[in-house]
Each structure stands twice: as C-alpha cells, then as structure tokens.
Amino acid sequence: MSCVCGVGESTETCCLPIIKGKAKAKTAEALMRSRYAAYVLNEVDYILESVHPDSPGEADRRSTEAWAQAAEWKGIEIVKTEAGGEDDDDGVVEFIAHFEIKGVPQTHHEVSRFKRHNKKWYYLDGDEIKAQPVVRQGPRVGRNDPCPCGSGKKFKKCYPNCPNPFPEQV
C-alpha cells in the first residue's frame, strides 16, 4: 500500500518517520506531504510542531484537530514547487488537498511558504486560493421569454417538462 501522501512505498516508511521525529523532511515538498499525512493520521502535535517559530499566524489546536477528524482525506495534488530543495533555505509549494466532510467533496487550495530553521524545514505561512464563482456565459432566459428549445411556448410554461431548455449547452 502506498503512502497517504501519494509518493512513498508506504506511510510507515515515507511520512511516519518524519511525523514521529525519526527523520527530517529533506525538502519543502516532503514537509508539505508529511503535514498532509499528519492530517490524515490525526497527528495534530506534528502539525503544530512543524510550524516555523517566526510564523506570523498562530496555529489553533482545537480547529486543527476538528478539521483533521471531521475530514475524510482523499489525496493531495502538488501543483508546483519553487525552490525548497535540499540546499535551499526557503521554498514554496502550491497544493490542493482533496477531502470530504459529511459526504460532501471539498478542496483546500493553498500556496504555502516554507523556511529552514536549525537545518530543519518548517511551514511558515500560506495563502488560500479561493475557487472562482461560476458566472453564466450566455444570455439569461426570463420567465416570459420564449423557451430556448424552440417550442414557441413561454419559458415558464415549457421549462418544467422541456426536453432541452438550454440547447447551446449540449
């Protein structure tokens, strides 16, 4: 079975040694993946300990624990990385974490910044990328407008039983 972070052979050999302090994350991406694994495994202590001492925000244990427990984690997708290698002191990882809460699929899309401190990678901070709202591209059909299906009826009369109310979307 592969690691919950999506890259290692198993969680026990990939992320768990980092989470348990038996190994160090070699890159910012490895730290990001281990933090994701910690959410999956509900290892809140590690999540909080892996925050940089100079982080501008303060991690809230209760909300972190509540999110880790409430979510059914489905996977992490690394969108891109900048620096954050074994010889760097700073790095950026953009990721999308997929999860469900009460059966509703959700995502957390973030650009995270990482910084090395005492030869160890830490999460510094991040900016969440909010999903863009869906905007209608075509004209809006009013209640009294002719139905776009071509029946000749008003939309309000045709729509409930209309076989194709929006033919341009087919």
N, C-alpha and C. Protein backbone atom coordinates (compact mmCIF):
# COMPACT_ATOMS: atom_id res chain seq x y z
N MET A 1 0.85 -1.19 0.00
CA MET A 1 0.00 0.00 0.00
C MET A 1 0.89 1.24 0.00
N SER A 2 0.55 2.24 -0.82
CA SER A 2 1.39 3.43 -0.90
C SER A 2 1.06 4.40 0.24
N CYS A 3 1.96 5.35 0.44
CA CYS A 3 1.81 6.35 1.49
C CYS A 3 0.60 7.22 1.19
N VAL A 4 -0.04 7.69 2.23
CA VAL A 4 -1.21 8.55 2.07
C VAL A 4 -0.84 9.87 1.39
N CYS A 5 0.45 10.23 1.38
CA CYS A 5 0.88 11.47 0.74
C CYS A 5 0.97 11.32 -0.77
N GLY A 6 0.90 10.08 -1.26
CA GLY A 6 0.87 9.84 -2.69
C GLY A 6 2.19 9.50 -3.35
N VAL A 7 3.32 9.51 -2.62
CA VAL A 7 4.59 9.21 -3.29
C VAL A 7 5.36 8.02 -2.73
N GLY A 8 5.32 7.79 -1.47
CA GLY A 8 6.15 6.74 -0.87
C GLY A 8 5.58 5.36 -1.01
N GLU A 9 6.44 4.38 -0.72
CA GLU A 9 6.04 2.98 -0.78
C GLU A 9 4.93 2.67 0.23
N SER A 10 5.12 3.18 1.44
CA SER A 10 4.11 3.00 2.49
C SER A 10 4.19 4.18 3.44
N THR A 11 3.12 4.42 4.17
CA THR A 11 3.11 5.51 5.14
C THR A 11 4.16 5.26 6.21
N GLU A 12 4.35 4.00 6.58
CA GLU A 12 5.30 3.65 7.64
C GLU A 12 6.74 3.94 7.25
N THR A 13 7.06 3.89 5.97
CA THR A 13 8.44 4.16 5.54
C THR A 13 8.62 5.55 4.94
N CYS A 14 7.52 6.22 4.58
CA CYS A 14 7.62 7.52 3.91
C CYS A 14 7.41 8.67 4.90
N CYS A 15 6.19 8.91 5.31
CA CYS A 15 5.87 10.08 6.13
C CYS A 15 5.91 9.84 7.64
N LEU A 16 5.60 8.64 8.08
CA LEU A 16 5.54 8.38 9.52
C LEU A 16 6.88 8.64 10.23
N PRO A 17 8.03 8.26 9.66
CA PRO A 17 9.28 8.59 10.34
C PRO A 17 9.49 10.10 10.51
N ILE A 18 9.03 10.89 9.56
CA ILE A 18 9.13 12.35 9.68
C ILE A 18 8.18 12.83 10.77
N ILE A 19 6.95 12.34 10.75
CA ILE A 19 5.95 12.73 11.73
C ILE A 19 6.39 12.37 13.15
N LYS A 20 6.99 11.21 13.31
CA LYS A 20 7.41 10.73 14.64
C LYS A 20 8.77 11.26 15.06
N GLY A 21 9.42 12.09 14.22
CA GLY A 21 10.70 12.69 14.59
C GLY A 21 11.91 11.80 14.39
N LYS A 22 11.75 10.68 13.70
CA LYS A 22 12.87 9.76 13.46
C LYS A 22 13.64 10.13 12.19
N ALA A 23 13.07 11.04 11.39
CA ALA A 23 13.72 11.51 10.16
C ALA A 23 13.30 12.96 9.92
N LYS A 24 14.10 13.66 9.10
CA LYS A 24 13.77 15.04 8.75
C LYS A 24 13.28 15.07 7.30
N ALA A 25 12.37 15.98 7.05
CA ALA A 25 11.93 16.21 5.68
C ALA A 25 13.10 16.86 4.94
N LYS A 26 13.49 16.28 3.80
CA LYS A 26 14.65 16.79 3.06
C LYS A 26 14.31 18.02 2.22
N THR A 27 13.04 18.16 1.87
CA THR A 27 12.62 19.28 1.02
C THR A 27 11.33 19.89 1.58
N ALA A 28 11.02 21.08 1.08
CA ALA A 28 9.77 21.72 1.48
C ALA A 28 8.57 20.86 1.05
N GLU A 29 8.66 20.27 -0.14
CA GLU A 29 7.56 19.41 -0.59
C GLU A 29 7.40 18.20 0.31
N ALA A 30 8.50 17.62 0.75
CA ALA A 30 8.42 16.46 1.65
C ALA A 30 7.75 16.86 2.97
N LEU A 31 8.06 18.07 3.45
CA LEU A 31 7.40 18.54 4.67
C LEU A 31 5.91 18.74 4.41
N MET A 32 5.57 19.32 3.26
CA MET A 32 4.15 19.52 2.92
C MET A 32 3.43 18.19 2.89
N ARG A 33 4.02 17.21 2.23
CA ARG A 33 3.39 15.89 2.14
C ARG A 33 3.26 15.25 3.53
N SER A 34 4.26 15.42 4.38
CA SER A 34 4.17 14.84 5.73
C SER A 34 3.11 15.55 6.57
N ARG A 35 2.94 16.84 6.35
CA ARG A 35 1.88 17.58 7.05
C ARG A 35 0.50 17.09 6.60
N TYR A 36 0.36 16.85 5.29
CA TYR A 36 -0.90 16.30 4.79
C TYR A 36 -1.14 14.92 5.44
N ALA A 37 -0.12 14.09 5.46
CA ALA A 37 -0.24 12.77 6.07
C ALA A 37 -0.63 12.89 7.55
N ALA A 38 -0.09 13.90 8.21
CA ALA A 38 -0.43 14.11 9.63
C ALA A 38 -1.91 14.45 9.79
N TYR A 39 -2.48 15.20 8.86
CA TYR A 39 -3.92 15.45 8.90
C TYR A 39 -4.69 14.15 8.72
N VAL A 40 -4.26 13.34 7.76
CA VAL A 40 -4.92 12.05 7.52
C VAL A 40 -4.87 11.17 8.76
N LEU A 41 -3.72 11.15 9.42
CA LEU A 41 -3.50 10.29 10.59
C LEU A 41 -3.90 10.96 11.91
N ASN A 42 -4.40 12.19 11.83
CA ASN A 42 -4.79 12.96 13.00
C ASN A 42 -3.62 13.13 13.99
N GLU A 43 -2.46 13.45 13.45
CA GLU A 43 -1.25 13.69 14.26
C GLU A 43 -1.11 15.20 14.46
N VAL A 44 -1.99 15.76 15.30
CA VAL A 44 -2.07 17.20 15.47
C VAL A 44 -0.81 17.78 16.09
N ASP A 45 -0.18 17.06 16.99
CA ASP A 45 1.07 17.55 17.60
C ASP A 45 2.11 17.86 16.52
N TYR A 46 2.26 16.96 15.56
CA TYR A 46 3.24 17.17 14.49
C TYR A 46 2.85 18.38 13.63
N ILE A 47 1.58 18.51 13.31
CA ILE A 47 1.13 19.64 12.50
C ILE A 47 1.53 20.95 13.18
N LEU A 48 1.31 21.03 14.49
CA LEU A 48 1.63 22.26 15.22
C LEU A 48 3.14 22.43 15.40
N GLU A 49 3.86 21.33 15.63
CA GLU A 49 5.32 21.41 15.81
C GLU A 49 6.05 21.76 14.53
N SER A 50 5.44 21.50 13.38
CA SER A 50 6.11 21.76 12.11
C SER A 50 5.87 23.19 11.61
N VAL A 51 5.26 24.03 12.44
CA VAL A 51 5.08 25.45 12.11
C VAL A 51 6.33 26.20 12.56
N HIS A 52 6.85 27.06 11.69
CA HIS A 52 8.06 27.83 11.96
C HIS A 52 7.88 28.72 13.19
N PRO A 53 8.92 28.85 14.03
CA PRO A 53 8.81 29.70 15.23
C PRO A 53 8.47 31.16 14.90
N ASP A 54 8.86 31.63 13.72
CA ASP A 54 8.58 33.02 13.32
C ASP A 54 7.31 33.15 12.49
N SER A 55 6.48 32.13 12.47
CA SER A 55 5.25 32.18 11.69
C SER A 55 4.38 33.34 12.18
N PRO A 56 3.86 34.14 11.23
CA PRO A 56 3.06 35.29 11.63
C PRO A 56 1.70 34.92 12.25
N GLY A 57 1.17 33.77 11.89
CA GLY A 57 -0.11 33.34 12.43
C GLY A 57 0.09 32.39 13.59
N GLU A 58 -0.95 32.22 14.37
CA GLU A 58 -0.86 31.28 15.48
C GLU A 58 -1.76 30.10 15.18
N ALA A 59 -1.22 28.91 15.25
CA ALA A 59 -1.99 27.71 14.96
C ALA A 59 -2.94 27.42 16.12
N ASP A 60 -4.17 27.11 15.79
CA ASP A 60 -5.19 26.81 16.78
C ASP A 60 -5.38 25.30 16.87
N ARG A 61 -5.01 24.75 17.99
CA ARG A 61 -5.05 23.30 18.17
C ARG A 61 -6.46 22.75 17.99
N ARG A 62 -7.46 23.37 18.60
CA ARG A 62 -8.83 22.83 18.54
C ARG A 62 -9.37 22.79 17.11
N SER A 63 -9.17 23.88 16.36
CA SER A 63 -9.71 23.89 14.99
C SER A 63 -8.91 22.95 14.09
N THR A 64 -7.60 22.85 14.30
CA THR A 64 -6.79 21.92 13.52
C THR A 64 -7.23 20.49 13.77
N GLU A 65 -7.42 20.16 15.03
CA GLU A 65 -7.85 18.81 15.40
C GLU A 65 -9.26 18.51 14.87
N ALA A 66 -10.15 19.49 14.97
CA ALA A 66 -11.53 19.30 14.49
C ALA A 66 -11.54 19.05 12.99
N TRP A 67 -10.74 19.82 12.23
CA TRP A 67 -10.70 19.65 10.78
C TRP A 67 -10.11 18.28 10.43
N ALA A 68 -9.01 17.91 11.08
CA ALA A 68 -8.38 16.62 10.80
C ALA A 68 -9.34 15.46 11.05
N GLN A 69 -10.12 15.56 12.12
CA GLN A 69 -11.04 14.48 12.47
C GLN A 69 -12.30 14.47 11.61
N ALA A 70 -12.80 15.64 11.26
CA ALA A 70 -14.06 15.72 10.50
C ALA A 70 -13.90 15.32 9.04
N ALA A 71 -12.72 15.55 8.50
CA ALA A 71 -12.49 15.31 7.07
C ALA A 71 -12.15 13.85 6.79
N GLU A 72 -12.65 13.39 5.66
CA GLU A 72 -12.22 12.10 5.13
C GLU A 72 -11.28 12.47 3.98
N TRP A 73 -9.99 12.31 4.21
CA TRP A 73 -8.96 12.79 3.29
C TRP A 73 -8.85 11.88 2.09
N LYS A 74 -8.86 12.49 0.89
CA LYS A 74 -8.90 11.74 -0.36
C LYS A 74 -7.60 11.81 -1.16
N GLY A 75 -6.72 12.76 -0.85
CA GLY A 75 -5.46 12.85 -1.58
C GLY A 75 -4.95 14.26 -1.67
N ILE A 76 -3.69 14.37 -2.03
CA ILE A 76 -3.07 15.68 -2.19
C ILE A 76 -2.45 15.75 -3.57
N GLU A 77 -2.59 16.91 -4.17
CA GLU A 77 -2.04 17.16 -5.50
C GLU A 77 -1.08 18.34 -5.38
N ILE A 78 0.19 18.11 -5.71
CA ILE A 78 1.16 19.20 -5.70
C ILE A 78 1.07 19.87 -7.06
N VAL A 79 0.68 21.14 -7.08
CA VAL A 79 0.50 21.89 -8.32
C VAL A 79 1.86 22.35 -8.84
N LYS A 80 2.66 22.95 -7.94
CA LYS A 80 4.01 23.36 -8.33
C LYS A 80 4.83 23.67 -7.08
N THR A 81 6.14 23.64 -7.27
CA THR A 81 7.06 23.99 -6.20
C THR A 81 8.06 25.01 -6.73
N GLU A 82 8.53 25.88 -5.85
CA GLU A 82 9.58 26.84 -6.17
C GLU A 82 10.63 26.72 -5.08
N ALA A 83 11.85 26.46 -5.49
CA ALA A 83 12.96 26.26 -4.55
C ALA A 83 12.56 25.17 -3.56
N GLY A 84 12.99 25.28 -2.31
CA GLY A 84 12.60 24.29 -1.30
C GLY A 84 13.35 22.98 -1.40
N GLY A 85 14.49 22.98 -2.12
CA GLY A 85 15.28 21.77 -2.25
C GLY A 85 16.20 21.55 -1.05
N GLU A 86 16.99 20.52 -1.14
CA GLU A 86 17.87 20.16 -0.03
C GLU A 86 18.91 21.24 0.29
N ASP A 87 19.28 22.07 -0.69
CA ASP A 87 20.28 23.12 -0.47
C ASP A 87 19.67 24.50 -0.31
N ASP A 88 18.34 24.61 -0.29
CA ASP A 88 17.68 25.91 -0.16
C ASP A 88 17.30 26.18 1.29
N ASP A 89 17.04 27.45 1.58
CA ASP A 89 16.56 27.84 2.91
C ASP A 89 15.10 28.26 2.90
N ASP A 90 14.54 28.51 1.72
CA ASP A 90 13.15 28.91 1.56
C ASP A 90 12.54 28.09 0.43
N GLY A 91 11.25 27.90 0.50
CA GLY A 91 10.56 27.19 -0.57
C GLY A 91 9.09 27.50 -0.58
N VAL A 92 8.48 27.27 -1.73
CA VAL A 92 7.05 27.49 -1.90
C VAL A 92 6.45 26.23 -2.52
N VAL A 93 5.33 25.80 -1.98
CA VAL A 93 4.63 24.64 -2.52
C VAL A 93 3.16 25.01 -2.69
N GLU A 94 2.68 24.90 -3.92
CA GLU A 94 1.25 25.09 -4.17
C GLU A 94 0.63 23.71 -4.23
N PHE A 95 -0.44 23.52 -3.48
CA PHE A 95 -1.07 22.20 -3.42
C PHE A 95 -2.58 22.31 -3.35
N ILE A 96 -3.22 21.20 -3.66
CA ILE A 96 -4.66 21.07 -3.49
C ILE A 96 -4.90 19.78 -2.70
N ALA A 97 -5.49 19.93 -1.52
CA ALA A 97 -5.86 18.77 -0.71
C ALA A 97 -7.32 18.47 -0.97
N HIS A 98 -7.61 17.21 -1.28
CA HIS A 98 -8.98 16.77 -1.56
C HIS A 98 -9.51 16.03 -0.33
N PHE A 99 -10.74 16.36 0.05
CA PHE A 99 -11.33 15.71 1.21
C PHE A 99 -12.85 15.80 1.13
N GLU A 100 -13.51 15.07 2.02
CA GLU A 100 -14.96 15.13 2.13
C GLU A 100 -15.32 15.39 3.58
N ILE A 101 -16.36 16.17 3.78
CA ILE A 101 -16.92 16.35 5.12
C ILE A 101 -18.41 16.04 4.99
N LYS A 102 -18.86 15.07 5.77
CA LYS A 102 -20.24 14.60 5.73
C LYS A 102 -20.65 14.23 4.31
N GLY A 103 -19.72 13.61 3.57
CA GLY A 103 -20.01 13.13 2.22
C GLY A 103 -19.95 14.18 1.13
N VAL A 104 -19.64 15.42 1.49
CA VAL A 104 -19.57 16.50 0.50
C VAL A 104 -18.12 16.70 0.07
N PRO A 105 -17.80 16.47 -1.21
CA PRO A 105 -16.42 16.65 -1.68
C PRO A 105 -16.00 18.12 -1.59
N GLN A 106 -14.78 18.33 -1.11
CA GLN A 106 -14.24 19.67 -0.96
C GLN A 106 -12.76 19.66 -1.29
N THR A 107 -12.21 20.87 -1.48
CA THR A 107 -10.77 21.01 -1.70
C THR A 107 -10.24 22.16 -0.87
N HIS A 108 -8.96 22.07 -0.54
CA HIS A 108 -8.24 23.18 0.08
C HIS A 108 -7.06 23.46 -0.83
N HIS A 109 -7.08 24.62 -1.49
CA HIS A 109 -6.03 25.01 -2.44
C HIS A 109 -5.23 26.13 -1.78
N GLU A 110 -3.91 25.91 -1.67
CA GLU A 110 -3.07 26.86 -0.93
C GLU A 110 -1.70 26.98 -1.57
N VAL A 111 -1.14 28.18 -1.47
CA VAL A 111 0.27 28.41 -1.79
C VAL A 111 0.95 28.58 -0.44
N SER A 112 1.78 27.60 -0.06
CA SER A 112 2.43 27.58 1.25
C SER A 112 3.89 27.98 1.14
N ARG A 113 4.35 28.71 2.14
CA ARG A 113 5.76 29.10 2.22
C ARG A 113 6.43 28.32 3.34
N PHE A 114 7.63 27.86 3.05
CA PHE A 114 8.40 27.06 3.99
C PHE A 114 9.76 27.71 4.21
N LYS A 115 10.29 27.54 5.41
CA LYS A 115 11.59 28.12 5.74
C LYS A 115 12.36 27.12 6.59
N ARG A 116 13.64 27.06 6.34
CA ARG A 116 14.50 26.19 7.13
C ARG A 116 14.95 26.94 8.39
N HIS A 117 14.96 26.23 9.50
CA HIS A 117 15.40 26.79 10.79
C HIS A 117 16.18 25.70 11.50
N ASN A 118 17.41 26.00 11.87
CA ASN A 118 18.28 24.99 12.52
C ASN A 118 18.35 23.71 11.68
N LYS A 119 18.53 23.88 10.37
CA LYS A 119 18.69 22.77 9.41
C LYS A 119 17.46 21.88 9.28
N LYS A 120 16.30 22.43 9.62
CA LYS A 120 15.07 21.66 9.55
C LYS A 120 14.00 22.50 8.86
N TRP A 121 13.19 21.88 7.96
CA TRP A 121 12.12 22.58 7.26
C TRP A 121 10.93 22.79 8.18
N TYR A 122 10.32 23.99 8.05
CA TYR A 122 9.11 24.32 8.78
C TYR A 122 8.13 25.02 7.84
N TYR A 123 6.86 24.89 8.16
CA TYR A 123 5.80 25.63 7.47
C TYR A 123 5.80 27.04 8.04
N LEU A 124 5.91 28.06 7.18
CA LEU A 124 5.91 29.44 7.63
C LEU A 124 4.50 30.03 7.59
N ASP A 125 3.90 30.05 6.42
CA ASP A 125 2.53 30.53 6.27
C ASP A 125 2.03 30.18 4.87
N GLY A 126 0.80 30.53 4.60
CA GLY A 126 0.24 30.21 3.29
C GLY A 126 -0.92 31.10 2.95
N ASP A 127 -1.22 31.14 1.66
CA ASP A 127 -2.36 31.90 1.17
C ASP A 127 -3.32 30.93 0.50
N GLU A 128 -4.55 30.89 1.02
CA GLU A 128 -5.56 30.03 0.43
C GLU A 128 -6.02 30.64 -0.89
N ILE A 129 -6.18 29.81 -1.89
CA ILE A 129 -6.68 30.25 -3.18
C ILE A 129 -8.14 29.83 -3.24
N LYS A 130 -9.01 30.82 -3.22
CA LYS A 130 -10.45 30.55 -3.24
C LYS A 130 -10.90 30.22 -4.65
N ALA A 131 -11.85 29.32 -4.75
CA ALA A 131 -12.41 28.96 -6.06
C ALA A 131 -13.15 30.16 -6.64
N GLN A 132 -13.03 30.34 -7.93
CA GLN A 132 -13.72 31.42 -8.60
C GLN A 132 -15.19 31.07 -8.76
N PRO A 133 -16.08 32.03 -8.54
CA PRO A 133 -17.51 31.73 -8.70
C PRO A 133 -17.83 31.42 -10.16
N VAL A 134 -18.82 30.57 -10.34
CA VAL A 134 -19.27 30.23 -11.68
C VAL A 134 -20.13 31.39 -12.19
N VAL A 135 -19.78 31.87 -13.37
CA VAL A 135 -20.51 33.01 -13.95
C VAL A 135 -21.17 32.54 -15.24
N ARG A 136 -22.45 32.86 -15.38
CA ARG A 136 -23.19 32.48 -16.58
C ARG A 136 -22.56 33.17 -17.78
N GLN A 137 -22.32 32.41 -18.84
CA GLN A 137 -21.71 32.95 -20.05
C GLN A 137 -22.75 33.43 -21.06
N GLY A 138 -23.84 32.74 -21.16
CA GLY A 138 -24.85 33.07 -22.17
C GLY A 138 -25.90 34.02 -21.63
N PRO A 139 -26.84 34.40 -22.47
CA PRO A 139 -27.90 35.30 -22.02
C PRO A 139 -28.83 34.59 -21.03
N ARG A 140 -29.41 35.35 -20.15
CA ARG A 140 -30.34 34.79 -19.17
C ARG A 140 -31.73 34.72 -19.80
N VAL A 141 -32.41 33.63 -19.55
CA VAL A 141 -33.77 33.45 -20.07
C VAL A 141 -34.74 33.87 -18.99
N GLY A 142 -35.61 34.84 -19.30
CA GLY A 142 -36.62 35.30 -18.35
C GLY A 142 -37.85 34.41 -18.39
N ARG A 143 -38.67 34.52 -17.37
CA ARG A 143 -39.89 33.69 -17.27
C ARG A 143 -40.81 33.85 -18.47
N ASN A 144 -40.93 35.07 -18.97
CA ASN A 144 -41.87 35.33 -20.05
C ASN A 144 -41.22 35.28 -21.44
N ASP A 145 -39.93 34.98 -21.50
CA ASP A 145 -39.24 34.85 -22.79
C ASP A 145 -39.62 33.53 -23.44
N PRO A 146 -39.49 33.45 -24.77
CA PRO A 146 -39.73 32.15 -25.43
C PRO A 146 -38.71 31.13 -24.94
N CYS A 147 -39.14 29.91 -24.78
CA CYS A 147 -38.23 28.84 -24.34
C CYS A 147 -37.16 28.63 -25.41
N PRO A 148 -35.89 28.53 -25.01
CA PRO A 148 -34.80 28.35 -25.99
C PRO A 148 -34.87 27.03 -26.75
N CYS A 149 -35.73 26.10 -26.35
CA CYS A 149 -35.81 24.82 -27.04
C CYS A 149 -36.51 24.95 -28.40
N GLY A 150 -37.21 26.09 -28.60
CA GLY A 150 -37.88 26.31 -29.89
C GLY A 150 -39.32 25.84 -29.92
N SER A 151 -39.90 25.52 -28.77
CA SER A 151 -41.29 25.04 -28.74
C SER A 151 -42.30 26.13 -29.06
N GLY A 152 -41.92 27.40 -28.90
CA GLY A 152 -42.84 28.51 -29.11
C GLY A 152 -43.58 28.90 -27.85
N LYS A 153 -43.47 28.11 -26.78
CA LYS A 153 -44.11 28.42 -25.51
C LYS A 153 -43.23 29.37 -24.71
N LYS A 154 -43.86 30.06 -23.74
CA LYS A 154 -43.07 30.86 -22.81
C LYS A 154 -42.25 29.92 -21.95
N PHE A 155 -41.08 30.40 -21.54
CA PHE A 155 -40.17 29.57 -20.74
C PHE A 155 -40.85 29.03 -19.49
N LYS A 156 -41.65 29.86 -18.79
CA LYS A 156 -42.29 29.43 -17.55
C LYS A 156 -43.29 28.30 -17.76
N LYS A 157 -43.86 28.21 -18.97
CA LYS A 157 -44.82 27.14 -19.26
C LYS A 157 -44.12 25.88 -19.78
N CYS A 158 -43.04 26.07 -20.52
CA CYS A 158 -42.36 24.95 -21.16
C CYS A 158 -41.34 24.27 -20.24
N TYR A 159 -40.62 25.05 -19.46
CA TYR A 159 -39.44 24.56 -18.73
C TYR A 159 -39.66 23.32 -17.85
N PRO A 160 -40.70 23.25 -17.05
CA PRO A 160 -40.77 22.07 -16.17
C PRO A 160 -40.73 20.74 -16.92
N ASN A 161 -41.23 20.71 -18.14
CA ASN A 161 -41.25 19.45 -18.90
C ASN A 161 -40.41 19.53 -20.17
N CYS A 162 -39.66 20.61 -20.33
CA CYS A 162 -38.89 20.85 -21.56
C CYS A 162 -37.79 19.80 -21.70
N PRO A 163 -37.70 19.15 -22.87
CA PRO A 163 -36.66 18.13 -23.07
C PRO A 163 -35.26 18.74 -23.21
N ASN A 164 -35.14 20.00 -23.63
CA ASN A 164 -33.82 20.60 -23.82
C ASN A 164 -33.94 22.12 -23.66
N PRO A 165 -34.01 22.62 -22.39
CA PRO A 165 -34.22 24.05 -22.18
C PRO A 165 -33.01 24.92 -22.56
N PHE A 166 -31.85 24.33 -22.64
CA PHE A 166 -30.65 25.11 -22.94
C PHE A 166 -29.85 24.40 -24.03
N PRO A 167 -30.33 24.45 -25.30
CA PRO A 167 -29.70 23.69 -26.37
C PRO A 167 -28.26 24.08 -26.66
N GLU A 168 -27.85 25.31 -26.36
CA GLU A 168 -26.47 25.72 -26.64
C GLU A 168 -25.46 25.05 -25.72
N GLN A 169 -25.93 24.43 -24.63
CA GLN A 169 -25.02 23.77 -23.69
C GLN A 169 -24.81 22.31 -24.02
N VAL A 170 -25.43 21.82 -25.07
CA VAL A 170 -25.31 20.40 -25.44
C VAL A 170 -24.07 20.18 -26.25
